[in-house]
Amino acid sequence: SKLSEEITLQPIERFDFDAAIIFSDILMIPYGLGQEVEFKKNF
């Protein structure tokens, strides 16, 4: 939660966008249900 907050705020600090969208992923639901989810580089 600390790093994801820092990441969420990075574009706000740079560009002053009108909205912050949380740093997360749509696949957190399958992960939250207990399905294995892995992100492989370049895949």
All heavy atoms as atom14 arrays in JSON, in Angstrom:
{
  "sequence": "SKLSEEITLQPIERFDFDAAIIFSDILMIPYGLGQEVEFKKNF",
  "atom14_mask": [
    [1, 1, 1, 1, 1, 1, 0, 0, 0, 0, 0, 0, 0, 0],
    [1, 1, 1, 1, 1, 1, 1, 1, 1, 0, 0, 0, 0, 0],
    [1, 1, 1, 1, 1, 1, 1, 1, 0, 0, 0, 0, 0, 0],
    [1, 1, 1, 1, 1, 1, 0, 0, 0, 0, 0, 0, 0, 0],
    [1, 1, 1, 1, 1, 1, 1, 1, 1, 0, 0, 0, 0, 0],
    [1, 1, 1, 1, 1, 1, 1, 1, 1, 0, 0, 0, 0, 0],
    [1, 1, 1, 1, 1, 1, 1, 1, 0, 0, 0, 0, 0, 0],
    [1, 1, 1, 1, 1, 1, 1, 0, 0, 0, 0, 0, 0, 0],
    [1, 1, 1, 1, 1, 1, 1, 1, 0, 0, 0, 0, 0, 0],
    [1, 1, 1, 1, 1, 1, 1, 1, 1, 0, 0, 0, 0, 0],
    [1, 1, 1, 1, 1, 1, 1, 0, 0, 0, 0, 0, 0, 0],
    [1, 1, 1, 1, 1, 1, 1, 1, 0, 0, 0, 0, 0, 0],
    [1, 1, 1, 1, 1, 1, 1, 1, 1, 0, 0, 0, 0, 0],
    [1, 1, 1, 1, 1, 1, 1, 1, 1, 1, 1, 0, 0, 0],
    [1, 1, 1, 1, 1, 1, 1, 1, 1, 1, 1, 0, 0, 0],
    [1, 1, 1, 1, 1, 1, 1, 1, 0, 0, 0, 0, 0, 0],
    [1, 1, 1, 1, 1, 1, 1, 1, 1, 1, 1, 0, 0, 0],
    [1, 1, 1, 1, 1, 1, 1, 1, 0, 0, 0, 0, 0, 0],
    [1, 1, 1, 1, 1, 0, 0, 0, 0, 0, 0, 0, 0, 0],
    [1, 1, 1, 1, 1, 0, 0, 0, 0, 0, 0, 0, 0, 0],
    [1, 1, 1, 1, 1, 1, 1, 1, 0, 0, 0, 0, 0, 0],
    [1, 1, 1, 1, 1, 1, 1, 1, 0, 0, 0, 0, 0, 0],
    [1, 1, 1, 1, 1, 1, 1, 1, 1, 1, 1, 0, 0, 0],
    [1, 1, 1, 1, 1, 1, 0, 0, 0, 0, 0, 0, 0, 0],
    [1, 1, 1, 1, 1, 1, 1, 1, 0, 0, 0, 0, 0, 0],
    [1, 1, 1, 1, 1, 1, 1, 1, 0, 0, 0, 0, 0, 0],
    [1, 1, 1, 1, 1, 1, 1, 1, 0, 0, 0, 0, 0, 0],
    [1, 1, 1, 1, 1, 1, 1, 1, 0, 0, 0, 0, 0, 0],
    [1, 1, 1, 1, 1, 1, 1, 1, 0, 0, 0, 0, 0, 0],
    [1, 1, 1, 1, 1, 1, 1, 0, 0, 0, 0, 0, 0, 0],
    [1, 1, 1, 1, 1, 1, 1, 1, 1, 1, 1, 1, 0, 0],
    [1, 1, 1, 1, 0, 0, 0, 0, 0, 0, 0, 0, 0, 0],
    [1, 1, 1, 1, 1, 1, 1, 1, 0, 0, 0, 0, 0, 0],
    [1, 1, 1, 1, 0, 0, 0, 0, 0, 0, 0, 0, 0, 0],
    [1, 1, 1, 1, 1, 1, 1, 1, 1, 0, 0, 0, 0, 0],
    [1, 1, 1, 1, 1, 1, 1, 1, 1, 0, 0, 0, 0, 0],
    [1, 1, 1, 1, 1, 1, 1, 0, 0, 0, 0, 0, 0, 0],
    [1, 1, 1, 1, 1, 1, 1, 1, 1, 0, 0, 0, 0, 0],
    [1, 1, 1, 1, 1, 1, 1, 1, 1, 1, 1, 0, 0, 0],
    [1, 1, 1, 1, 1, 1, 1, 1, 1, 0, 0, 0, 0, 0],
    [1, 1, 1, 1, 1, 1, 1, 1, 1, 0, 0, 0, 0, 0],
    [1, 1, 1, 1, 1, 1, 1, 1, 0, 0, 0, 0, 0, 0],
    [1, 1, 1, 1, 1, 1, 1, 1, 1, 1, 1, 0, 0, 0]
  ],
  "atom14_positions": [
    [[0.81, -1.23, 0.0], [0.0, 0.0, 0.0], [0.84, 1.28, 0.0], [0.43, 2.29, -0.55], [-0.99, 0.01, 1.16], [-0.33, -0.15, 2.39], [0.0, 0.0, 0.0], [0.0, 0.0, 0.0], [0.0, 0.0, 0.0], [0.0, 0.0, 0.0], [0.0, 0.0, 0.0], [0.0, 0.0, 0.0], [0.0, 0.0, 0.0], [0.0, 0.0, 0.0]],
    [[2.04, 1.21, 0.58], [2.9, 2.42, 0.6], [3.46, 2.69, -0.8], [3.42, 3.82, -1.29], [4.03, 2.23, 1.61], [3.58, 2.42, 3.06], [4.76, 2.79, 3.95], [4.29, 3.24, 5.32], [3.76, 2.13, 6.13], [0.0, 0.0, 0.0], [0.0, 0.0, 0.0], [0.0, 0.0, 0.0], [0.0, 0.0, 0.0], [0.0, 0.0, 0.0]],
    [[4.02, 1.65, -1.43], [4.6, 1.82, -2.77], [3.51, 2.12, -3.8], [3.72, 2.94, -4.7], [5.4, 0.59, -3.18], [6.81, 0.47, -2.61], [7.47, -0.83, -3.04], [7.69, 1.66, -3.02], [0.0, 0.0, 0.0], [0.0, 0.0, 0.0], [0.0, 0.0, 0.0], [0.0, 0.0, 0.0], [0.0, 0.0, 0.0], [0.0, 0.0, 0.0]],
    [[2.37, 1.44, -3.68], [1.3, 1.69, -4.66], [0.74, 3.11, -4.52], [0.32, 3.72, -5.5], [0.2, 0.64, -4.58], [-0.32, 0.53, -3.28], [0.0, 0.0, 0.0], [0.0, 0.0, 0.0], [0.0, 0.0, 0.0], [0.0, 0.0, 0.0], [0.0, 0.0, 0.0], [0.0, 0.0, 0.0], [0.0, 0.0, 0.0], [0.0, 0.0, 0.0]],
    [[0.79, 3.66, -3.3], [0.39, 5.07, -3.13], [1.39, 5.99, -3.82], [1.0, 6.92, -4.54], [0.3, 5.42, -1.64], [-0.16, 6.85, -1.42], [-0.23, 7.26, 0.04], [0.22, 6.48, 0.91], [-0.71, 8.37, 0.31], [0.0, 0.0, 0.0], [0.0, 0.0, 0.0], [0.0, 0.0, 0.0], [0.0, 0.0, 0.0], [0.0, 0.0, 0.0]],
    [[2.66, 5.71, -3.63], [3.7, 6.52, -4.27], [3.54, 6.48, -5.79], [3.62, 7.51, -6.47], [5.09, 5.98, -3.87], [6.23, 6.85, -4.35], [7.6, 6.27, -3.98], [7.71, 5.55, -2.96], [8.56, 6.54, -4.73], [0.0, 0.0, 0.0], [0.0, 0.0, 0.0], [0.0, 0.0, 0.0], [0.0, 0.0, 0.0], [0.0, 0.0, 0.0]],
    [[3.29, 5.29, -6.33], [3.14, 5.12, -7.79], [1.88, 5.85, -8.28], [1.91, 6.53, -9.31], [3.09, 3.62, -8.16], [4.45, 2.97, -7.88], [2.71, 3.43, -9.62], [4.43, 1.44, -7.86], [0.0, 0.0, 0.0], [0.0, 0.0, 0.0], [0.0, 0.0, 0.0], [0.0, 0.0, 0.0], [0.0, 0.0, 0.0], [0.0, 0.0, 0.0]],
    [[0.8, 5.72, -7.56], [-0.47, 6.38, -7.95], [-0.27, 7.89, -8.05], [-0.84, 8.55, -8.93], [-1.58, 6.06, -6.92], [-1.78, 4.65, -6.87], [-2.88, 6.76, -7.27], [0.0, 0.0, 0.0], [0.0, 0.0, 0.0], [0.0, 0.0, 0.0], [0.0, 0.0, 0.0], [0.0, 0.0, 0.0], [0.0, 0.0, 0.0], [0.0, 0.0, 0.0]],
    [[0.55, 8.44, -7.14], [0.75, 9.9, -7.09], [1.79, 10.42, -8.09], [1.82, 11.62, -8.36], [1.16, 10.31, -5.67], [0.08, 10.14, -4.59], [0.68, 10.36, -3.21], [-1.09, 11.08, -4.83], [0.0, 0.0, 0.0], [0.0, 0.0, 0.0], [0.0, 0.0, 0.0], [0.0, 0.0, 0.0], [0.0, 0.0, 0.0], [0.0, 0.0, 0.0]],
    [[2.63, 9.54, -8.62], [3.7, 9.99, -9.53], [3.17, 10.84, -10.7], [3.68, 11.94, -10.94], [4.49, 8.79, -10.04], [5.45, 8.22, -9.0], [6.12, 6.93, -9.44], [5.73, 6.31, -10.44], [7.13, 6.51, -8.69], [0.0, 0.0, 0.0], [0.0, 0.0, 0.0], [0.0, 0.0, 0.0], [0.0, 0.0, 0.0], [0.0, 0.0, 0.0]],
    [[2.16, 10.38, -11.45], [1.68, 11.2, -12.56], [0.94, 12.46, -12.12], [0.91, 13.46, -12.85], [0.73, 10.26, -13.32], [0.34, 9.23, -12.33], [1.48, 9.08, -11.38], [0.0, 0.0, 0.0], [0.0, 0.0, 0.0], [0.0, 0.0, 0.0], [0.0, 0.0, 0.0], [0.0, 0.0, 0.0], [0.0, 0.0, 0.0], [0.0, 0.0, 0.0]],
    [[0.38, 12.43, -10.91], [-0.29, 13.62, -10.38], [0.75, 14.7, -10.11], [0.58, 15.88, -10.43], [-1.07, 13.28, -9.08], [-2.12, 12.2, -9.33], [-1.7, 14.54, -8.47], [-3.22, 12.57, -10.29], [0.0, 0.0, 0.0], [0.0, 0.0, 0.0], [0.0, 0.0, 0.0], [0.0, 0.0, 0.0], [0.0, 0.0, 0.0], [0.0, 0.0, 0.0]],
    [[1.87, 14.29, -9.52], [2.94, 15.24, -9.19], [3.57, 15.81, -10.46], [3.93, 16.98, -10.51], [4.0, 14.54, -8.33], [3.51, 14.27, -6.92], [4.36, 13.26, -6.16], [5.21, 12.59, -6.78], [4.16, 13.11, -4.94], [0.0, 0.0, 0.0], [0.0, 0.0, 0.0], [0.0, 0.0, 0.0], [0.0, 0.0, 0.0], [0.0, 0.0, 0.0]],
    [[3.69, 14.99, -11.48], [4.31, 15.45, -12.73], [3.38, 16.32, -13.57], [3.79, 17.34, -14.11], [4.74, 14.24, -13.57], [6.2, 13.91, -13.46], [6.56, 12.94, -14.57], [7.89, 12.4, -14.39], [9.01, 12.91, -14.89], [8.94, 14.03, -15.59], [10.16, 12.34, -14.68], [0.0, 0.0, 0.0], [0.0, 0.0, 0.0], [0.0, 0.0, 0.0]],
    [[2.14, 15.86, -13.76], [1.27, 16.48, -14.77], [0.01, 17.14, -14.22], [-0.75, 17.74, -14.97], [0.83, 15.41, -15.8], [1.98, 14.62, -16.37], [2.14, 13.27, -16.06], [2.91, 15.22, -17.22], [3.19, 12.53, -16.58], [3.97, 14.48, -17.75], [4.12, 13.14, -17.41], [0.0, 0.0, 0.0], [0.0, 0.0, 0.0], [0.0, 0.0, 0.0]],
    [[-0.23, 17.0, -12.92], [-1.41, 17.6, -12.29], [-2.71, 17.16, -12.99], [-3.59, 17.98, -13.26], [-1.29, 19.13, -12.29], [-2.3, 19.77, -11.33], [-2.69, 19.11, -10.35], [-2.71, 20.92, -11.59], [0.0, 0.0, 0.0], [0.0, 0.0, 0.0], [0.0, 0.0, 0.0], [0.0, 0.0, 0.0], [0.0, 0.0, 0.0], [0.0, 0.0, 0.0]],
    [[-2.81, 15.86, -13.29], [-4.04, 15.34, -13.87], [-5.23, 15.6, -12.94], [-5.05, 15.81, -11.74], [-3.92, 13.83, -14.12], [-3.0, 13.45, -15.25], [-2.0, 12.5, -15.06], [-3.14, 14.0, -16.51], [-1.15, 12.14, -16.09], [-2.31, 13.65, -17.56], [-1.3, 12.71, -17.35], [0.0, 0.0, 0.0], [0.0, 0.0, 0.0], [0.0, 0.0, 0.0]],
    [[-6.42, 15.52, -13.5], [-7.63, 15.81, -12.72], [-8.14, 14.6, -11.93], [-9.11, 14.73, -11.18], [-8.74, 16.32, -13.64], [-8.36, 17.67, -14.24], [-8.16, 18.61, -13.46], [-8.23, 17.77, -15.47], [0.0, 0.0, 0.0], [0.0, 0.0, 0.0], [0.0, 0.0, 0.0], [0.0, 0.0, 0.0], [0.0, 0.0, 0.0], [0.0, 0.0, 0.0]],
    [[-7.5, 13.46, -12.13], [-7.91, 12.27, -11.37], [-6.69, 11.4, -11.11], [-5.78, 11.32, -11.92], [-8.95, 11.47, -12.15], [0.0, 0.0, 0.0], [0.0, 0.0, 0.0], [0.0, 0.0, 0.0], [0.0, 0.0, 0.0], [0.0, 0.0, 0.0], [0.0, 0.0, 0.0], [0.0, 0.0, 0.0], [0.0, 0.0, 0.0], [0.0, 0.0, 0.0]],
    [[-6.72, 10.76, -9.95], [-5.73, 9.71, -9.64], [-6.45, 8.38, -9.8], [-7.54, 8.2, -9.25], [-5.23, 9.87, -8.21], [0.0, 0.0, 0.0], [0.0, 0.0, 0.0], [0.0, 0.0, 0.0], [0.0, 0.0, 0.0], [0.0, 0.0, 0.0], [0.0, 0.0, 0.0], [0.0, 0.0, 0.0], [0.0, 0.0, 0.0], [0.0, 0.0, 0.0]],
    [[-5.87, 7.48, -10.57], [-6.43, 6.13, -10.67], [-5.48, 5.22, -9.9], [-4.26, 5.3, -10.05], [-6.64, 5.66, -12.13], [-7.28, 4.26, -12.13], [-5.37, 5.72, -12.94], [-7.88, 3.86, -13.46], [0.0, 0.0, 0.0], [0.0, 0.0, 0.0], [0.0, 0.0, 0.0], [0.0, 0.0, 0.0], [0.0, 0.0, 0.0], [0.0, 0.0, 0.0]],
    [[-6.04, 4.38, -9.04], [-5.19, 3.59, -8.15], [-4.28, 2.66, -8.95], [-4.66, 2.14, -10.0], [-6.02, 2.77, -7.13], [-6.98, 1.79, -7.82], [-6.75, 3.69, -6.18], [-7.55, 0.74, -6.9], [0.0, 0.0, 0.0], [0.0, 0.0, 0.0], [0.0, 0.0, 0.0], [0.0, 0.0, 0.0], [0.0, 0.0, 0.0], [0.0, 0.0, 0.0]],
    [[-3.08, 2.48, -8.44], [-2.15, 1.51, -9.04], [-2.56, 0.13, -8.55], [-2.38, -0.23, -7.39], [-0.71, 1.82, -8.64], [0.26, 0.82, -9.22], [0.55, 0.79, -10.57], [0.85, -0.13, -8.39], [1.42, -0.14, -11.1], [1.73, -1.07, -8.92], [2.02, -1.08, -10.27], [0.0, 0.0, 0.0], [0.0, 0.0, 0.0], [0.0, 0.0, 0.0]],
    [[-3.18, -0.63, -9.46], [-3.65, -1.97, -9.14], [-3.79, -2.72, -10.46], [-3.2, -2.32, -11.46], [-4.98, -1.87, -8.38], [-5.38, -3.15, -7.92], [0.0, 0.0, 0.0], [0.0, 0.0, 0.0], [0.0, 0.0, 0.0], [0.0, 0.0, 0.0], [0.0, 0.0, 0.0], [0.0, 0.0, 0.0], [0.0, 0.0, 0.0], [0.0, 0.0, 0.0]],
    [[-4.59, -3.77, -10.47], [-4.77, -4.54, -11.7], [-6.12, -5.24, -11.66], [-6.6, -5.62, -10.6], [-3.66, -5.58, -11.85], [-3.57, -6.1, -13.28], [-4.27, -7.09, -13.59], [-2.85, -5.52, -14.1], [0.0, 0.0, 0.0], [0.0, 0.0, 0.0], [0.0, 0.0, 0.0], [0.0, 0.0, 0.0], [0.0, 0.0, 0.0], [0.0, 0.0, 0.0]],
    [[-6.73, -5.42, -12.84], [-8.02, -6.1, -12.89], [-7.91, -7.56, -12.44], [-8.89, -8.15, -11.97], [-8.68, -6.03, -14.3], [-7.81, -6.71, -15.36], [-9.0, -4.6, -14.68], [-8.5, -6.89, -16.71], [0.0, 0.0, 0.0], [0.0, 0.0, 0.0], [0.0, 0.0, 0.0], [0.0, 0.0, 0.0], [0.0, 0.0, 0.0], [0.0, 0.0, 0.0]],
    [[-6.71, -8.15, -12.53], [-6.55, -9.56, -12.16], [-6.39, -9.78, -10.66], [-6.15, -10.9, -10.21], [-5.37, -10.18, -12.92], [-5.57, -10.26, -14.45], [-4.38, -10.93, -15.11], [-6.86, -10.99, -14.81], [0.0, 0.0, 0.0], [0.0, 0.0, 0.0], [0.0, 0.0, 0.0], [0.0, 0.0, 0.0], [0.0, 0.0, 0.0], [0.0, 0.0, 0.0]],
    [[-6.55, -8.72, -9.89], [-6.52, -8.89, -8.43], [-7.74, -9.69, -7.96], [-7.69, -10.32, -6.92], [-6.48, -7.54, -7.72], [-5.24, -6.7, -8.01], [-3.67, -7.59, -7.89], [-3.57, -7.89, -6.14], [0.0, 0.0, 0.0], [0.0, 0.0, 0.0], [0.0, 0.0, 0.0], [0.0, 0.0, 0.0], [0.0, 0.0, 0.0], [0.0, 0.0, 0.0]],
    [[-8.82, -9.71, -8.75], [-9.99, -10.51, -8.37], [-9.69, -12.02, -8.48], [-9.88, -12.75, -7.5], [-11.24, -10.13, -9.2], [-11.76, -8.77, -8.76], [-12.33, -11.19, -9.06], [-12.73, -8.75, -7.62], [0.0, 0.0, 0.0], [0.0, 0.0, 0.0], [0.0, 0.0, 0.0], [0.0, 0.0, 0.0], [0.0, 0.0, 0.0], [0.0, 0.0, 0.0]],
    [[-9.21, -12.51, -9.63], [-8.84, -13.94, -9.66], [-7.82, -14.29, -8.58], [-7.93, -15.32, -7.92], [-8.23, -14.13, -11.06], [-8.78, -13.03, -11.87], [-9.09, -11.9, -10.96], [0.0, 0.0, 0.0], [0.0, 0.0, 0.0], [0.0, 0.0, 0.0], [0.0, 0.0, 0.0], [0.0, 0.0, 0.0], [0.0, 0.0, 0.0], [0.0, 0.0, 0.0]],
    [[-6.85, -13.39, -8.36], [-5.86, -13.61, -7.3], [-6.57, -13.67, -5.93], [-6.28, -14.53, -5.11], [-4.81, -12.49, -7.31], [-3.92, -12.52, -6.09], [-2.81, -13.37, -6.03], [-4.2, -11.7, -4.98], [-2.01, -13.4, -4.9], [-3.4, -11.74, -3.85], [-2.31, -12.6, -3.82], [-1.53, -12.64, -2.69], [0.0, 0.0, 0.0], [0.0, 0.0, 0.0]],
    [[-7.49, -12.74, -5.71], [-8.21, -12.69, -4.44], [-9.07, -13.92, -4.19], [-9.32, -14.3, -3.06], [0.0, 0.0, 0.0], [0.0, 0.0, 0.0], [0.0, 0.0, 0.0], [0.0, 0.0, 0.0], [0.0, 0.0, 0.0], [0.0, 0.0, 0.0], [0.0, 0.0, 0.0], [0.0, 0.0, 0.0], [0.0, 0.0, 0.0], [0.0, 0.0, 0.0]],
    [[-9.5, -14.57, -5.28], [-10.3, -15.79, -5.17], [-9.43, -17.02, -4.91], [-9.93, -18.07, -4.54], [-11.11, -16.02, -6.45], [-12.23, -15.02, -6.74], [-12.83, -15.28, -8.12], [-13.32, -15.11, -5.68], [0.0, 0.0, 0.0], [0.0, 0.0, 0.0], [0.0, 0.0, 0.0], [0.0, 0.0, 0.0], [0.0, 0.0, 0.0], [0.0, 0.0, 0.0]],
    [[-8.12, -16.87, -5.13], [-7.22, -17.99, -4.87], [-6.66, -18.63, -6.12], [-5.94, -19.63, -6.04], [0.0, 0.0, 0.0], [0.0, 0.0, 0.0], [0.0, 0.0, 0.0], [0.0, 0.0, 0.0], [0.0, 0.0, 0.0], [0.0, 0.0, 0.0], [0.0, 0.0, 0.0], [0.0, 0.0, 0.0], [0.0, 0.0, 0.0], [0.0, 0.0, 0.0]],
    [[-6.96, -18.06, -7.31], [-6.33, -18.58, -8.54], [-4.92, -18.02, -8.62], [-4.69, -16.84, -8.31], [-7.13, -18.17, -9.78], [-6.61, -18.81, -11.08], [-7.52, -18.52, -12.28], [-8.39, -17.65, -12.22], [-7.31, -19.23, -13.37], [0.0, 0.0, 0.0], [0.0, 0.0, 0.0], [0.0, 0.0, 0.0], [0.0, 0.0, 0.0], [0.0, 0.0, 0.0]],
    [[-3.99, -18.84, -9.01], [-2.61, -18.36, -9.12], [-2.51, -17.35, -10.26], [-3.01, -17.59, -11.36], [-1.66, -19.54, -9.39], [-0.2, -19.18, -9.21], [0.71, -20.38, -9.5], [0.31, -21.52, -9.22], [1.82, -20.14, -10.0], [0.0, 0.0, 0.0], [0.0, 0.0, 0.0], [0.0, 0.0, 0.0], [0.0, 0.0, 0.0], [0.0, 0.0, 0.0]],
    [[-1.9, -16.21, -9.99], [-1.7, -15.17, -11.02], [-0.25, -14.72, -10.96], [0.23, -14.28, -9.92], [-2.62, -13.94, -10.8], [-2.39, -12.9, -11.9], [-4.09, -14.35, -10.76], [0.0, 0.0, 0.0], [0.0, 0.0, 0.0], [0.0, 0.0, 0.0], [0.0, 0.0, 0.0], [0.0, 0.0, 0.0], [0.0, 0.0, 0.0], [0.0, 0.0, 0.0]],
    [[0.42, -14.84, -12.1], [1.83, -14.42, -12.17], [2.03, -13.57, -13.42], [1.44, -13.86, -14.47], [2.71, -15.68, -12.25], [4.19, -15.39, -12.21], [5.04, -16.64, -12.49], [4.46, -17.73, -12.69], [6.27, -16.51, -12.53], [0.0, 0.0, 0.0], [0.0, 0.0, 0.0], [0.0, 0.0, 0.0], [0.0, 0.0, 0.0], [0.0, 0.0, 0.0]],
    [[2.81, -12.51, -13.3], [3.1, -11.67, -14.46], [4.53, -11.96, -14.92], [5.47, -11.75, -14.17], [2.94, -10.19, -14.11], [1.51, -9.76, -14.02], [0.76, -10.01, -12.88], [0.88, -9.13, -15.09], [-0.57, -9.62, -12.78], [-0.44, -8.74, -15.01], [-1.18, -8.99, -13.86], [0.0, 0.0, 0.0], [0.0, 0.0, 0.0], [0.0, 0.0, 0.0]],
    [[4.65, -12.46, -16.15], [5.98, -12.8, -16.67], [6.46, -11.7, -17.61], [5.7, -11.21, -18.45], [5.92, -14.13, -17.42], [5.62, -15.32, -16.52], [5.7, -16.61, -17.32], [5.56, -17.82, -16.39], [5.56, -19.08, -17.15], [0.0, 0.0, 0.0], [0.0, 0.0, 0.0], [0.0, 0.0, 0.0], [0.0, 0.0, 0.0], [0.0, 0.0, 0.0]],
    [[7.73, -11.35, -17.47], [8.31, -10.28, -18.29], [8.23, -10.66, -19.78], [8.51, -11.79, -20.15], [9.77, -10.06, -17.88], [10.31, -8.75, -18.39], [11.68, -8.45, -17.85], [12.16, -7.11, -18.37], [13.51, -6.79, -17.94], [0.0, 0.0, 0.0], [0.0, 0.0, 0.0], [0.0, 0.0, 0.0], [0.0, 0.0, 0.0], [0.0, 0.0, 0.0]],
    [[7.84, -9.68, -20.59], [7.7, -9.84, -22.04], [6.68, -10.92, -22.43], [6.7, -11.42, -23.56], [9.05, -10.17, -22.71], [10.09, -9.11, -22.41], [9.77, -7.92, -22.37], [11.32, -9.52, -22.17], [0.0, 0.0, 0.0], [0.0, 0.0, 0.0], [0.0, 0.0, 0.0], [0.0, 0.0, 0.0], [0.0, 0.0, 0.0], [0.0, 0.0, 0.0]],
    [[5.82, -11.29, -21.5], [4.79, -12.29, -21.8], [3.42, -11.83, -21.31], [2.43, -11.93, -22.02], [5.15, -13.64, -21.14], [4.12, -14.71, -21.37], [4.07, -15.37, -22.59], [3.17, -15.03, -20.39], [3.1, -16.35, -22.83], [2.2, -16.0, -20.61], [2.17, -16.67, -21.84], [0.0, 0.0, 0.0], [0.0, 0.0, 0.0], [0.0, 0.0, 0.0]]
  ]
}
